[in-house]
Amino acid sequence: MPQRNSAERHMTDRPDPALTASEFVGQLMSLGGPGSPSRAETASPGNDRPVTLRMGDVFALAKRFIDLEPDQIEELLESSVHEVRVGAVSIMDFQARRRGTPTRRREALYQLYLRRHDRIDDWDLVDRAAPSVVGQYLDDKPRDPLYRLARSENVWERRTAIVATWHFIRHGQLDDTFAIAELLIDDREHVIQTAVGGWVREAGKRDATRLRAFLDAHAATMPRTALRFAIEHLDRDERRHYRNL
């Protein structure tokens, strides 16, 4: 019989829980094993002590709570425990990607993401949910909100602007990725440089000519981190050429 991870054992050996934020936190804390902090310790206001949990377990539990209501997800976002917030954005991601999720719920998730961006405040939280919760929601709508985010003073909102375009890249829509990368090209924050470089690289897999045009225009002045990510999949001579500009 194949071995199950701790989250799978925990979830299959118990009946379905009531879908509440407190139940999610209780189950999440129990996955840390005997040496992990208690639920009371981790849930206390202002406590940001780390919890040793495997992300695979967090994701598996979040998928079990896929039907959690937006108000309960927001309660999870309020937590000072990073893994709890990872769970919150993972639930948002699973809901947004589920084919049967109603339009009204997709809109509610989108609004929640933007309204509580103060709690979506690390690169992994942004990357987990922005493509599906923000990008997918805007698929058939004007993309203006992304350009407003790209001009934000909040670094995580700027990262959301470029990361959300992953949904468009997957569907061969590259205009917004390159346009937002242009807006962020001189950003000095490392987490923006990695996103800009990584996303134009991925867009370049769909259209290498546009990637080279972008690099011809910006390689000489763009931050080196962004450049390194952007040229990663080019051949050695091209990488050398753009580094030497």
C-alpha atoms as a PDB file:
ATOM      1  CA  MET A   1       0.000   0.000   0.000  1.00  0.00           C
ATOM      2  CA  PRO A   2       1.470   3.456  -0.906  1.00  0.00           C
ATOM      3  CA  GLN A   3       2.432   5.697   1.997  1.00  0.00           C
ATOM      4  CA  ARG A   4       0.212   8.718   2.658  1.00  0.00           C
ATOM      5  CA  ASN A   5       1.631  12.014   3.868  1.00  0.00           C
ATOM      6  CA  SER A   6       0.584  13.406   7.232  1.00  0.00           C
ATOM      7  CA  ALA A   7      -2.094  15.688   5.789  1.00  0.00           C
ATOM      8  CA  GLU A   8      -3.713  12.835   3.858  1.00  0.00           C
ATOM      9  CA  ARG A   9      -3.730  10.583   6.922  1.00  0.00           C
ATOM     10  CA  HIS A  10      -5.194  13.340   9.058  1.00  0.00           C
ATOM     11  CA  MET A  11      -7.918  14.154   6.558  1.00  0.00           C
ATOM     12  CA  THR A  12      -8.997  10.646   5.619  1.00  0.00           C
ATOM     13  CA  ASP A  13      -9.102   9.343   9.161  1.00  0.00           C
ATOM     14  CA  ARG A  14     -11.597  11.955  10.354  1.00  0.00           C
ATOM     15  CA  PRO A  15     -15.085  12.924   9.219  1.00  0.00           C
ATOM     16  CA  ASP A  16     -15.508  16.078   7.159  1.00  0.00           C
ATOM     17  CA  PRO A  17     -15.183  19.130   9.421  1.00  0.00           C
ATOM     18  CA  ALA A  18     -17.399  22.171   9.540  1.00  0.00           C
ATOM     19  CA  LEU A  19     -15.881  24.609   7.086  1.00  0.00           C
ATOM     20  CA  THR A  20     -14.668  27.359   9.391  1.00  0.00           C
ATOM     21  CA  ALA A  21     -11.416  29.251   9.786  1.00  0.00           C
ATOM     22  CA  SER A  22     -10.936  27.973  13.316  1.00  0.00           C
ATOM     23  CA  GLU A  23     -11.344  24.366  12.205  1.00  0.00           C
ATOM     24  CA  PHE A  24      -8.814  24.904   9.434  1.00  0.00           C
ATOM     25  CA  VAL A  25      -6.298  26.377  11.883  1.00  0.00           C
ATOM     26  CA  GLY A  26      -6.874  23.559  14.350  1.00  0.00           C
ATOM     27  CA  GLN A  27      -6.247  20.883  11.738  1.00  0.00           C
ATOM     28  CA  LEU A  28      -3.281  22.772  10.308  1.00  0.00           C
ATOM     29  CA  MET A  29      -1.571  23.048  13.673  1.00  0.00           C
ATOM     30  CA  SER A  30      -2.075  19.346  14.327  1.00  0.00           C
ATOM     31  CA  LEU A  31      -0.088  18.530  11.184  1.00  0.00           C
ATOM     32  CA  GLY A  32       3.085  19.903  12.752  1.00  0.00           C
ATOM     33  CA  GLY A  33       3.490  16.932  15.051  1.00  0.00           C
ATOM     34  CA  PRO A  34       4.160  16.754  18.805  1.00  0.00           C
ATOM     35  CA  GLY A  35       6.944  19.349  18.747  1.00  0.00           C
ATOM     36  CA  SER A  36       4.962  22.058  16.999  1.00  0.00           C
ATOM     37  CA  PRO A  37       3.539  25.080  18.859  1.00  0.00           C
ATOM     38  CA  SER A  38       0.023  24.788  20.176  1.00  0.00           C
ATOM     39  CA  ARG A  39      -2.928  26.374  18.421  1.00  0.00           C
ATOM     40  CA  ALA A  40      -3.291  28.877  21.267  1.00  0.00           C
ATOM     41  CA  GLU A  41       0.339  29.954  20.961  1.00  0.00           C
ATOM     42  CA  THR A  42       0.257  30.412  17.205  1.00  0.00           C
ATOM     43  CA  ALA A  43      -3.118  32.124  17.089  1.00  0.00           C
ATOM     44  CA  SER A  44      -2.274  34.789  19.643  1.00  0.00           C
ATOM     45  CA  PRO A  45      -2.221  38.383  18.318  1.00  0.00           C
ATOM     46  CA  GLY A  46       1.175  39.590  17.148  1.00  0.00           C
ATOM     47  CA  ASN A  47       2.759  36.141  17.360  1.00  0.00           C
ATOM     48  CA  ASP A  48       4.792  35.495  14.220  1.00  0.00           C
ATOM     49  CA  ARG A  49       6.835  32.543  15.447  1.00  0.00           C
ATOM     50  CA  PRO A  50       7.393  30.036  12.635  1.00  0.00           C
ATOM     51  CA  VAL A  51       5.490  26.781  12.411  1.00  0.00           C
ATOM     52  CA  THR A  52       7.313  23.793  10.930  1.00  0.00           C
ATOM     53  CA  LEU A  53       4.907  22.483   8.309  1.00  0.00           C
ATOM     54  CA  ARG A  54       5.455  21.044   4.860  1.00  0.00           C
ATOM     55  CA  MET A  55       3.867  23.161   2.156  1.00  0.00           C
ATOM     56  CA  GLY A  56       2.472  20.025   0.522  1.00  0.00           C
ATOM     57  CA  ASP A  57       0.500  19.359   3.697  1.00  0.00           C
ATOM     58  CA  VAL A  58      -0.783  22.945   3.780  1.00  0.00           C
ATOM     59  CA  PHE A  59      -1.916  22.701   0.154  1.00  0.00           C
ATOM     60  CA  ALA A  60      -3.603  19.346   0.727  1.00  0.00           C
ATOM     61  CA  LEU A  61      -5.559  20.679   3.684  1.00  0.00           C
ATOM     62  CA  ALA A  62      -6.506  23.825   1.756  1.00  0.00           C
ATOM     63  CA  LYS A  63      -7.942  21.679  -1.016  1.00  0.00           C
ATOM     64  CA  ARG A  64     -10.109  19.924   1.576  1.00  0.00           C
ATOM     65  CA  PHE A  65     -11.441  23.350   2.592  1.00  0.00           C
ATOM     66  CA  ILE A  66     -12.059  24.501  -0.986  1.00  0.00           C
ATOM     67  CA  ASP A  67     -15.639  25.586  -0.170  1.00  0.00           C
ATOM     68  CA  LEU A  68     -14.659  27.913   2.671  1.00  0.00           C
ATOM     69  CA  GLU A  69     -16.640  31.155   2.542  1.00  0.00           C
ATOM     70  CA  PRO A  70     -14.820  34.436   1.782  1.00  0.00           C
ATOM     71  CA  ASP A  71     -15.430  35.825   5.277  1.00  0.00           C
ATOM     72  CA  GLN A  72     -13.737  32.762   6.771  1.00  0.00           C
ATOM     73  CA  ILE A  73     -10.853  33.052   4.300  1.00  0.00           C
ATOM     74  CA  GLU A  74     -10.397  36.658   5.400  1.00  0.00           C
ATOM     75  CA  GLU A  75     -10.227  35.454   8.984  1.00  0.00           C
ATOM     76  CA  LEU A  76      -7.344  33.181   7.964  1.00  0.00           C
ATOM     77  CA  LEU A  77      -5.621  36.101   6.256  1.00  0.00           C
ATOM     78  CA  GLU A  78      -5.687  37.954   9.565  1.00  0.00           C
ATOM     79  CA  SER A  79      -3.446  35.320  11.140  1.00  0.00           C
ATOM     80  CA  SER A  80       0.114  36.229  12.071  1.00  0.00           C
ATOM     81  CA  VAL A  81       1.184  32.676  11.184  1.00  0.00           C
ATOM     82  CA  HIS A  82       2.558  32.585   7.659  1.00  0.00           C
ATOM     83  CA  GLU A  83       1.419  29.032   6.961  1.00  0.00           C
ATOM     84  CA  VAL A  84      -2.155  29.947   7.846  1.00  0.00           C
ATOM     85  CA  ARG A  85      -2.063  32.750   5.291  1.00  0.00           C
ATOM     86  CA  VAL A  86      -0.550  30.326   2.772  1.00  0.00           C
ATOM     87  CA  GLY A  87      -3.585  28.154   3.441  1.00  0.00           C
ATOM     88  CA  ALA A  88      -5.895  31.113   2.873  1.00  0.00           C
ATOM     89  CA  VAL A  89      -4.470  32.051  -0.522  1.00  0.00           C
ATOM     90  CA  SER A  90      -4.332  28.368  -1.498  1.00  0.00           C
ATOM     91  CA  ILE A  91      -8.058  28.026  -0.819  1.00  0.00           C
ATOM     92  CA  MET A  92      -8.620  31.146  -2.921  1.00  0.00           C
ATOM     93  CA  ASP A  93      -6.533  29.645  -5.717  1.00  0.00           C
ATOM     94  CA  PHE A  94      -8.356  26.306  -5.647  1.00  0.00           C
ATOM     95  CA  GLN A  95     -11.746  28.022  -5.698  1.00  0.00           C
ATOM     96  CA  ALA A  96     -10.788  30.329  -8.561  1.00  0.00           C
ATOM     97  CA  ARG A  97      -9.395  27.488 -10.671  1.00  0.00           C
ATOM     98  CA  ARG A  98     -12.336  25.165 -10.084  1.00  0.00           C
ATOM     99  CA  ARG A  99     -14.440  25.008 -13.222  1.00  0.00           C
ATOM    100  CA  GLY A 100     -17.757  25.098 -11.383  1.00  0.00           C
ATOM    101  CA  THR A 101     -17.069  28.152  -9.191  1.00  0.00           C
ATOM    102  CA  PRO A 102     -19.804  30.755  -9.844  1.00  0.00           C
ATOM    103  CA  THR A 103     -18.946  34.154 -11.294  1.00  0.00           C
ATOM    104  CA  ARG A 104     -20.112  35.931  -8.130  1.00  0.00           C
ATOM    105  CA  ARG A 105     -17.700  33.907  -6.015  1.00  0.00           C
ATOM    106  CA  ARG A 106     -14.811  34.624  -8.427  1.00  0.00           C
ATOM    107  CA  GLU A 107     -15.570  38.318  -8.102  1.00  0.00           C
ATOM    108  CA  ALA A 108     -15.718  38.037  -4.308  1.00  0.00           C
ATOM    109  CA  LEU A 109     -12.310  36.339  -4.243  1.00  0.00           C
ATOM    110  CA  TYR A 110     -10.844  38.991  -6.536  1.00  0.00           C
ATOM    111  CA  GLN A 111     -12.189  41.794  -4.363  1.00  0.00           C
ATOM    112  CA  LEU A 112     -10.973  40.077  -1.196  1.00  0.00           C
ATOM    113  CA  TYR A 113      -7.477  39.666  -2.638  1.00  0.00           C
ATOM    114  CA  LEU A 114      -7.188  43.354  -3.524  1.00  0.00           C
ATOM    115  CA  ARG A 115      -8.893  44.630  -0.381  1.00  0.00           C
ATOM    116  CA  ARG A 116      -6.665  42.573   1.936  1.00  0.00           C
ATOM    117  CA  HIS A 117      -3.407  42.911   0.054  1.00  0.00           C
ATOM    118  CA  ASP A 118      -1.994  44.167   3.354  1.00  0.00           C
ATOM    119  CA  ARG A 119      -2.071  40.498   4.468  1.00  0.00           C
ATOM    120  CA  ILE A 120      -0.816  39.105   1.151  1.00  0.00           C
ATOM    121  CA  ASP A 121       2.617  40.389   1.921  1.00  0.00           C
ATOM    122  CA  ASP A 122       5.221  37.917   0.733  1.00  0.00           C
ATOM    123  CA  TRP A 123       6.276  36.571  -2.654  1.00  0.00           C
ATOM    124  CA  ASP A 124       4.915  33.072  -2.098  1.00  0.00           C
ATOM    125  CA  LEU A 125       1.476  34.396  -1.116  1.00  0.00           C
ATOM    126  CA  VAL A 126       1.324  36.547  -4.241  1.00  0.00           C
ATOM    127  CA  ASP A 127       2.571  33.805  -6.541  1.00  0.00           C
ATOM    128  CA  ARG A 128       0.148  31.233  -5.118  1.00  0.00           C
ATOM    129  CA  ALA A 129      -3.020  33.161  -5.913  1.00  0.00           C
ATOM    130  CA  ALA A 130      -2.453  36.135  -8.235  1.00  0.00           C
ATOM    131  CA  PRO A 131      -2.602  34.209 -11.552  1.00  0.00           C
ATOM    132  CA  SER A 132      -5.949  32.543 -10.820  1.00  0.00           C
ATOM    133  CA  VAL A 133      -7.656  34.965  -8.439  1.00  0.00           C
ATOM    134  CA  VAL A 134      -6.621  38.178 -10.216  1.00  0.00           C
ATOM    135  CA  GLY A 135      -5.420  37.235 -13.707  1.00  0.00           C
ATOM    136  CA  GLN A 136      -8.128  34.712 -14.485  1.00  0.00           C
ATOM    137  CA  TYR A 137     -10.845  37.028 -13.188  1.00  0.00           C
ATOM    138  CA  LEU A 138      -9.633  39.785 -15.546  1.00  0.00           C
ATOM    139  CA  ASP A 139      -9.432  37.435 -18.528  1.00  0.00           C
ATOM    140  CA  ASP A 140     -12.538  38.889 -20.223  1.00  0.00           C
ATOM    141  CA  LYS A 141     -12.336  42.334 -18.614  1.00  0.00           C
ATOM    142  CA  PRO A 142     -10.219  45.482 -18.998  1.00  0.00           C
ATOM    143  CA  ARG A 143      -6.743  45.016 -17.529  1.00  0.00           C
ATOM    144  CA  ASP A 144      -6.548  48.544 -16.064  1.00  0.00           C
ATOM    145  CA  PRO A 145      -6.419  47.286 -12.445  1.00  0.00           C
ATOM    146  CA  LEU A 146      -3.078  45.600 -13.174  1.00  0.00           C
ATOM    147  CA  TYR A 147      -1.567  48.849 -14.403  1.00  0.00           C
ATOM    148  CA  ARG A 148      -2.756  50.629 -11.266  1.00  0.00           C
ATOM    149  CA  LEU A 149      -1.139  47.909  -9.177  1.00  0.00           C
ATOM    150  CA  ALA A 150       2.072  48.242 -11.180  1.00  0.00           C
ATOM    151  CA  ARG A 151       2.257  51.904 -10.168  1.00  0.00           C
ATOM    152  CA  SER A 152       1.547  51.209  -6.487  1.00  0.00           C
ATOM    153  CA  GLU A 153       3.974  52.164  -3.735  1.00  0.00           C
ATOM    154  CA  ASN A 154       3.354  48.720  -2.216  1.00  0.00           C
ATOM    155  CA  VAL A 155       5.941  46.245  -3.496  1.00  0.00           C
ATOM    156  CA  TRP A 156       3.572  43.272  -3.189  1.00  0.00           C
ATOM    157  CA  GLU A 157       0.901  45.006  -5.239  1.00  0.00           C
ATOM    158  CA  ARG A 158       3.523  45.665  -7.913  1.00  0.00           C
ATOM    159  CA  ARG A 159       4.505  41.994  -7.866  1.00  0.00           C
ATOM    160  CA  THR A 160       0.833  41.019  -8.206  1.00  0.00           C
ATOM    161  CA  ALA A 161       0.606  43.182 -11.345  1.00  0.00           C
ATOM    162  CA  ILE A 162       3.216  41.150 -13.225  1.00  0.00           C
ATOM    163  CA  VAL A 163       2.562  37.742 -11.627  1.00  0.00           C
ATOM    164  CA  ALA A 164      -1.163  37.875 -12.457  1.00  0.00           C
ATOM    165  CA  THR A 165      -0.261  37.943 -16.157  1.00  0.00           C
ATOM    166  CA  TRP A 166       0.826  34.306 -15.913  1.00  0.00           C
ATOM    167  CA  HIS A 167      -2.778  33.410 -16.706  1.00  0.00           C
ATOM    168  CA  PHE A 168      -2.541  35.429 -19.929  1.00  0.00           C
ATOM    169  CA  ILE A 169       0.817  33.909 -20.892  1.00  0.00           C
ATOM    170  CA  ARG A 170      -0.667  30.427 -20.599  1.00  0.00           C
ATOM    171  CA  HIS A 171      -3.314  31.450 -23.133  1.00  0.00           C
ATOM    172  CA  GLY A 172      -0.873  33.085 -25.542  1.00  0.00           C
ATOM    173  CA  GLN A 173      -1.766  36.671 -24.540  1.00  0.00           C
ATOM    174  CA  LEU A 174       1.563  38.430 -24.089  1.00  0.00           C
ATOM    175  CA  ASP A 175       0.816  42.152 -24.452  1.00  0.00           C
ATOM    176  CA  ASP A 176       0.143  42.834 -20.780  1.00  0.00           C
ATOM    177  CA  THR A 177       3.207  40.921 -19.578  1.00  0.00           C
ATOM    178  CA  PHE A 178       5.563  42.965 -21.736  1.00  0.00           C
ATOM    179  CA  ALA A 179       3.732  46.244 -21.065  1.00  0.00           C
ATOM    180  CA  ILE A 180       3.767  45.811 -17.283  1.00  0.00           C
ATOM    181  CA  ALA A 181       7.388  44.661 -17.437  1.00  0.00           C
ATOM    182  CA  GLU A 182       8.137  47.978 -19.162  1.00  0.00           C
ATOM    183  CA  LEU A 183       6.533  49.833 -16.239  1.00  0.00           C
ATOM    184  CA  LEU A 184       8.542  47.851 -13.693  1.00  0.00           C
ATOM    185  CA  ILE A 185      11.808  47.565 -15.581  1.00  0.00           C
ATOM    186  CA  ASP A 186      13.698  50.003 -13.343  1.00  0.00           C
ATOM    187  CA  ASP A 187      12.210  48.791 -10.047  1.00  0.00           C
ATOM    188  CA  ARG A 188      14.996  48.345  -7.489  1.00  0.00           C
ATOM    189  CA  GLU A 189      13.211  45.732  -5.379  1.00  0.00           C
ATOM    190  CA  HIS A 190      14.681  42.252  -5.781  1.00  0.00           C
ATOM    191  CA  VAL A 191      11.263  40.551  -5.709  1.00  0.00           C
ATOM    192  CA  ILE A 192      10.140  42.732  -8.621  1.00  0.00           C
ATOM    193  CA  GLN A 193      13.314  42.147 -10.618  1.00  0.00           C
ATOM    194  CA  THR A 194      12.964  38.367 -10.337  1.00  0.00           C
ATOM    195  CA  ALA A 195       9.309  38.541 -11.375  1.00  0.00           C
ATOM    196  CA  VAL A 196       9.936  40.839 -14.334  1.00  0.00           C
ATOM    197  CA  GLY A 197      12.825  38.724 -15.593  1.00  0.00           C
ATOM    198  CA  GLY A 198      11.054  35.439 -15.003  1.00  0.00           C
ATOM    199  CA  TRP A 199       7.793  36.497 -16.620  1.00  0.00           C
ATOM    200  CA  VAL A 200       9.312  38.009 -19.774  1.00  0.00           C
ATOM    201  CA  ARG A 201      11.385  34.818 -20.068  1.00  0.00           C
ATOM    202  CA  GLU A 202       8.201  32.735 -19.954  1.00  0.00           C
ATOM    203  CA  ALA A 203       6.474  35.059 -22.423  1.00  0.00           C
ATOM    204  CA  GLY A 204       9.547  34.696 -24.634  1.00  0.00           C
ATOM    205  CA  LYS A 205       8.965  30.965 -24.850  1.00  0.00           C
ATOM    206  CA  ARG A 206       5.770  31.857 -26.707  1.00  0.00           C
ATOM    207  CA  ASP A 207       7.320  34.631 -28.796  1.00  0.00           C
ATOM    208  CA  ALA A 208      11.125  34.749 -28.877  1.00  0.00           C
ATOM    209  CA  THR A 209      11.103  37.735 -31.234  1.00  0.00           C
ATOM    210  CA  ARG A 210       9.259  39.885 -28.704  1.00  0.00           C
ATOM    211  CA  LEU A 211      11.620  38.814 -25.944  1.00  0.00           C
ATOM    212  CA  ARG A 212      14.653  39.795 -28.032  1.00  0.00           C
ATOM    213  CA  ALA A 213      13.049  43.140 -28.883  1.00  0.00           C
ATOM    214  CA  PHE A 214      12.444  43.750 -25.178  1.00  0.00           C
ATOM    215  CA  LEU A 215      16.045  42.862 -24.364  1.00  0.00           C
ATOM    216  CA  ASP A 216      17.412  44.996 -27.211  1.00  0.00           C
ATOM    217  CA  ALA A 217      15.595  47.968 -25.695  1.00  0.00           C
ATOM    218  CA  HIS A 218      16.385  47.352 -22.019  1.00  0.00           C
ATOM    219  CA  ALA A 219      19.277  44.943 -21.454  1.00  0.00           C
ATOM    220  CA  ALA A 220      21.876  47.707 -21.212  1.00  0.00           C
ATOM    221  CA  THR A 221      20.134  49.435 -18.303  1.00  0.00           C
ATOM    222  CA  MET A 222      17.794  46.953 -16.618  1.00  0.00           C
ATOM    223  CA  PRO A 223      18.802  45.542 -13.207  1.00  0.00           C
ATOM    224  CA  ARG A 224      21.192  42.618 -13.522  1.00  0.00           C
ATOM    225  CA  THR A 225      18.923  40.272 -11.578  1.00  0.00           C
ATOM    226  CA  ALA A 226      16.053  40.839 -13.993  1.00  0.00           C
ATOM    227  CA  LEU A 227      18.381  40.412 -16.948  1.00  0.00           C
ATOM    228  CA  ARG A 228      19.790  37.150 -15.610  1.00  0.00           C
ATOM    229  CA  PHE A 229      16.299  35.686 -15.252  1.00  0.00           C
ATOM    230  CA  ALA A 230      15.153  36.997 -18.646  1.00  0.00           C
ATOM    231  CA  ILE A 231      18.022  35.482 -20.659  1.00  0.00           C
ATOM    232  CA  GLU A 232      18.204  32.205 -18.758  1.00  0.00           C
ATOM    233  CA  HIS A 233      16.889  30.072 -21.623  1.00  0.00           C
ATOM    234  CA  LEU A 234      18.746  31.782 -24.480  1.00  0.00           C
ATOM    235  CA  ASP A 235      21.812  30.153 -25.968  1.00  0.00           C
ATOM    236  CA  ARG A 236      25.241  30.954 -24.573  1.00  0.00           C
ATOM    237  CA  ASP A 237      26.233  33.474 -27.259  1.00  0.00           C
ATOM    238  CA  GLU A 238      23.004  35.427 -26.870  1.00  0.00           C
ATOM    239  CA  ARG A 239      23.343  35.463 -23.091  1.00  0.00           C
ATOM    240  CA  ARG A 240      26.877  36.823 -23.441  1.00  0.00           C
ATOM    241  CA  HIS A 241      25.707  39.432 -25.950  1.00  0.00           C
ATOM    242  CA  TYR A 242      22.991  40.817 -23.671  1.00  0.00           C
ATOM    243  CA  ARG A 243      25.207  40.748 -20.575  1.00  0.00           C
ATOM    244  CA  ASN A 244      27.848  42.770 -22.391  1.00  0.00           C
ATOM    245  CA  LEU A 245      25.545  45.524 -23.621  1.00  0.00           C
END
